[in-house]
Amino acid sequence: MTMLAADGDQNRPRPVVRKDALIEILWPDMDAKEAYSQLYAGIYQLRRSLESAGMPIRIVNTGNSSSLDLGGLSSDVDL
Protein backbone atom coordinates (compact mmCIF):
# COMPACT_ATOMS: atom_id res chain seq x y z
CA MET A 1 0.00 0.00 0.00
CA THR A 2 2.94 2.31 0.63
CA MET A 3 3.74 2.26 -3.09
CA LEU A 4 0.31 3.71 -3.82
CA ALA A 5 0.10 6.14 -0.88
CA ALA A 6 -0.14 9.88 -1.24
CA ASP A 7 0.24 12.60 1.33
CA GLY A 8 -2.79 14.30 2.87
CA ASP A 9 -2.61 17.43 0.72
CA GLN A 10 -5.85 17.15 -1.25
CA ASN A 11 -4.62 19.78 -3.75
CA ARG A 12 -1.72 17.62 -4.93
CA PRO A 13 -2.38 14.95 -7.54
CA ARG A 14 -2.25 11.35 -6.36
CA PRO A 15 0.87 9.48 -7.35
CA VAL A 16 0.09 6.88 -9.98
CA VAL A 17 1.84 3.52 -10.08
CA ARG A 18 1.91 1.49 -13.26
CA LYS A 19 0.71 -2.07 -12.80
CA ASP A 20 3.64 -3.50 -14.76
CA ALA A 21 6.03 -1.64 -12.42
CA LEU A 22 4.33 -3.23 -9.38
CA ILE A 23 4.62 -6.64 -11.00
CA GLU A 24 8.30 -6.10 -11.73
CA ILE A 25 8.90 -5.19 -8.07
CA LEU A 26 6.71 -7.86 -6.48
CA TRP A 27 7.03 -10.81 -8.88
CA PRO A 28 10.02 -10.18 -11.19
CA ASP A 29 10.51 -13.82 -12.19
CA MET A 30 6.87 -14.80 -12.59
CA ASP A 31 5.05 -15.34 -15.88
CA ALA A 32 3.19 -12.13 -16.81
CA LYS A 33 -0.26 -13.74 -16.88
CA GLU A 34 0.22 -15.31 -13.45
CA ALA A 35 1.75 -12.09 -12.06
CA TYR A 36 -1.24 -10.02 -13.20
CA SER A 37 -3.54 -12.59 -11.61
CA GLN A 38 -1.62 -12.24 -8.33
CA LEU A 39 -1.77 -8.44 -8.57
CA TYR A 40 -5.54 -8.40 -9.13
CA ALA A 41 -6.10 -10.88 -6.29
CA GLY A 42 -3.97 -8.73 -3.99
CA ILE A 43 -5.83 -5.55 -4.93
CA TYR A 44 -9.14 -7.32 -4.37
CA GLN A 45 -8.05 -8.48 -0.90
CA LEU A 46 -6.73 -5.02 -0.03
CA ARG A 47 -10.05 -3.45 -1.05
CA ARG A 48 -11.96 -5.94 1.10
CA SER A 49 -9.68 -5.29 4.08
CA LEU A 50 -10.04 -1.52 3.78
CA GLU A 51 -13.80 -1.83 3.48
CA SER A 52 -14.03 -4.19 6.49
CA ALA A 53 -11.97 -1.75 8.56
CA GLY A 54 -14.34 1.08 7.62
CA MET A 55 -11.56 3.02 5.94
CA PRO A 56 -12.64 5.55 3.29
CA ILE A 57 -9.56 4.71 1.20
CA ARG A 58 -10.23 3.61 -2.38
CA ILE A 59 -7.89 2.02 -4.90
CA VAL A 60 -8.44 3.79 -8.19
CA ASN A 61 -7.57 1.96 -11.41
CA THR A 62 -6.98 3.98 -14.54
CA GLY A 63 -6.09 1.73 -17.41
CA ASN A 64 -2.56 0.49 -16.83
CA SER A 65 -2.07 2.18 -13.44
CA SER A 66 -3.41 2.41 -9.90
CA SER A 67 -3.47 5.04 -7.17
CA LEU A 68 -5.00 5.57 -3.74
CA ASP A 69 -7.78 8.00 -2.96
CA LEU A 70 -7.35 8.65 0.76
CA GLY A 71 -10.96 9.80 1.12
CA GLY A 72 -10.00 12.89 3.11
CA LEU A 73 -7.61 11.08 5.44
CA SER A 74 -4.20 12.58 6.01
CA SER A 75 -0.92 10.73 5.83
CA ASP A 76 2.65 11.48 6.88
CA VAL A 77 4.01 9.88 3.72
CA ASP A 78 5.94 12.45 1.71
CA LEU A 79 6.42 11.45 -1.91
C-alpha atoms as a PDB file:
ATOM      1  CA  MET A   1       0.000   0.000   0.000  1.00  0.00           C
ATOM      2  CA  THR A   2       2.944   2.309   0.634  1.00  0.00           C
ATOM      3  CA  MET A   3       3.740   2.258  -3.086  1.00  0.00           C
ATOM      4  CA  LEU A   4       0.309   3.705  -3.815  1.00  0.00           C
ATOM      5  CA  ALA A   5       0.102   6.139  -0.879  1.00  0.00           C
ATOM      6  CA  ALA A   6      -0.138   9.880  -1.240  1.00  0.00           C
ATOM      7  CA  ASP A   7       0.242  12.604   1.331  1.00  0.00           C
ATOM      8  CA  GLY A   8      -2.790  14.296   2.868  1.00  0.00           C
ATOM      9  CA  ASP A   9      -2.614  17.434   0.719  1.00  0.00           C
ATOM     10  CA  GLN A  10      -5.852  17.152  -1.245  1.00  0.00           C
ATOM     11  CA  ASN A  11      -4.621  19.778  -3.754  1.00  0.00           C
ATOM     12  CA  ARG A  12      -1.721  17.625  -4.933  1.00  0.00           C
ATOM     13  CA  PRO A  13      -2.383  14.950  -7.543  1.00  0.00           C
ATOM     14  CA  ARG A  14      -2.255  11.347  -6.358  1.00  0.00           C
ATOM     15  CA  PRO A  15       0.868   9.477  -7.349  1.00  0.00           C
ATOM     16  CA  VAL A  16       0.089   6.881  -9.982  1.00  0.00           C
ATOM     17  CA  VAL A  17       1.842   3.517 -10.077  1.00  0.00           C
ATOM     18  CA  ARG A  18       1.911   1.491 -13.259  1.00  0.00           C
ATOM     19  CA  LYS A  19       0.710  -2.074 -12.804  1.00  0.00           C
ATOM     20  CA  ASP A  20       3.638  -3.501 -14.765  1.00  0.00           C
ATOM     21  CA  ALA A  21       6.027  -1.644 -12.415  1.00  0.00           C
ATOM     22  CA  LEU A  22       4.328  -3.232  -9.384  1.00  0.00           C
ATOM     23  CA  ILE A  23       4.624  -6.642 -11.000  1.00  0.00           C
ATOM     24  CA  GLU A  24       8.304  -6.100 -11.735  1.00  0.00           C
ATOM     25  CA  ILE A  25       8.904  -5.190  -8.073  1.00  0.00           C
ATOM     26  CA  LEU A  26       6.713  -7.858  -6.476  1.00  0.00           C
ATOM     27  CA  TRP A  27       7.031 -10.807  -8.884  1.00  0.00           C
ATOM     28  CA  PRO A  28      10.020 -10.176 -11.186  1.00  0.00           C
ATOM     29  CA  ASP A  29      10.514 -13.824 -12.187  1.00  0.00           C
ATOM     30  CA  MET A  30       6.867 -14.801 -12.585  1.00  0.00           C
ATOM     31  CA  ASP A  31       5.054 -15.344 -15.885  1.00  0.00           C
ATOM     32  CA  ALA A  32       3.194 -12.128 -16.806  1.00  0.00           C
ATOM     33  CA  LYS A  33      -0.261 -13.738 -16.881  1.00  0.00           C
ATOM     34  CA  GLU A  34       0.218 -15.311 -13.451  1.00  0.00           C
ATOM     35  CA  ALA A  35       1.747 -12.094 -12.056  1.00  0.00           C
ATOM     36  CA  TYR A  36      -1.243 -10.023 -13.200  1.00  0.00           C
ATOM     37  CA  SER A  37      -3.541 -12.594 -11.614  1.00  0.00           C
ATOM     38  CA  GLN A  38      -1.623 -12.244  -8.330  1.00  0.00           C
ATOM     39  CA  LEU A  39      -1.772  -8.445  -8.566  1.00  0.00           C
ATOM     40  CA  TYR A  40      -5.537  -8.396  -9.131  1.00  0.00           C
ATOM     41  CA  ALA A  41      -6.097 -10.881  -6.294  1.00  0.00           C
ATOM     42  CA  GLY A  42      -3.970  -8.732  -3.985  1.00  0.00           C
ATOM     43  CA  ILE A  43      -5.827  -5.548  -4.930  1.00  0.00           C
ATOM     44  CA  TYR A  44      -9.144  -7.324  -4.366  1.00  0.00           C
ATOM     45  CA  GLN A  45      -8.054  -8.483  -0.897  1.00  0.00           C
ATOM     46  CA  LEU A  46      -6.734  -5.023  -0.030  1.00  0.00           C
ATOM     47  CA  ARG A  47     -10.049  -3.448  -1.047  1.00  0.00           C
ATOM     48  CA  ARG A  48     -11.960  -5.936   1.098  1.00  0.00           C
ATOM     49  CA  SER A  49      -9.683  -5.291   4.083  1.00  0.00           C
ATOM     50  CA  LEU A  50     -10.043  -1.516   3.781  1.00  0.00           C
ATOM     51  CA  GLU A  51     -13.801  -1.831   3.480  1.00  0.00           C
ATOM     52  CA  SER A  52     -14.030  -4.192   6.490  1.00  0.00           C
ATOM     53  CA  ALA A  53     -11.974  -1.751   8.562  1.00  0.00           C
ATOM     54  CA  GLY A  54     -14.339   1.080   7.625  1.00  0.00           C
ATOM     55  CA  MET A  55     -11.559   3.020   5.937  1.00  0.00           C
ATOM     56  CA  PRO A  56     -12.636   5.554   3.293  1.00  0.00           C
ATOM     57  CA  ILE A  57      -9.558   4.715   1.197  1.00  0.00           C
ATOM     58  CA  ARG A  58     -10.226   3.611  -2.385  1.00  0.00           C
ATOM     59  CA  ILE A  59      -7.887   2.018  -4.896  1.00  0.00           C
ATOM     60  CA  VAL A  60      -8.436   3.793  -8.194  1.00  0.00           C
ATOM     61  CA  ASN A  61      -7.572   1.956 -11.414  1.00  0.00           C
ATOM     62  CA  THR A  62      -6.982   3.978 -14.543  1.00  0.00           C
ATOM     63  CA  GLY A  63      -6.090   1.733 -17.415  1.00  0.00           C
ATOM     64  CA  ASN A  64      -2.565   0.491 -16.834  1.00  0.00           C
ATOM     65  CA  SER A  65      -2.068   2.181 -13.440  1.00  0.00           C
ATOM     66  CA  SER A  66      -3.408   2.408  -9.898  1.00  0.00           C
ATOM     67  CA  SER A  67      -3.466   5.038  -7.168  1.00  0.00           C
ATOM     68  CA  LEU A  68      -5.003   5.569  -3.744  1.00  0.00           C
ATOM     69  CA  ASP A  69      -7.780   7.999  -2.960  1.00  0.00           C
ATOM     70  CA  LEU A  70      -7.352   8.651   0.761  1.00  0.00           C
ATOM     71  CA  GLY A  71     -10.958   9.795   1.124  1.00  0.00           C
ATOM     72  CA  GLY A  72     -10.002  12.889   3.106  1.00  0.00           C
ATOM     73  CA  LEU A  73      -7.612  11.081   5.442  1.00  0.00           C
ATOM     74  CA  SER A  74      -4.198  12.576   6.014  1.00  0.00           C
ATOM     75  CA  SER A  75      -0.918  10.730   5.829  1.00  0.00           C
ATOM     76  CA  ASP A  76       2.645  11.480   6.883  1.00  0.00           C
ATOM     77  CA  VAL A  77       4.010   9.883   3.723  1.00  0.00           C
ATOM     78  CA  ASP A  78       5.944  12.445   1.707  1.00  0.00           C
ATOM     79  CA  LEU A  79       6.418  11.445  -1.914  1.00  0.00           C
END
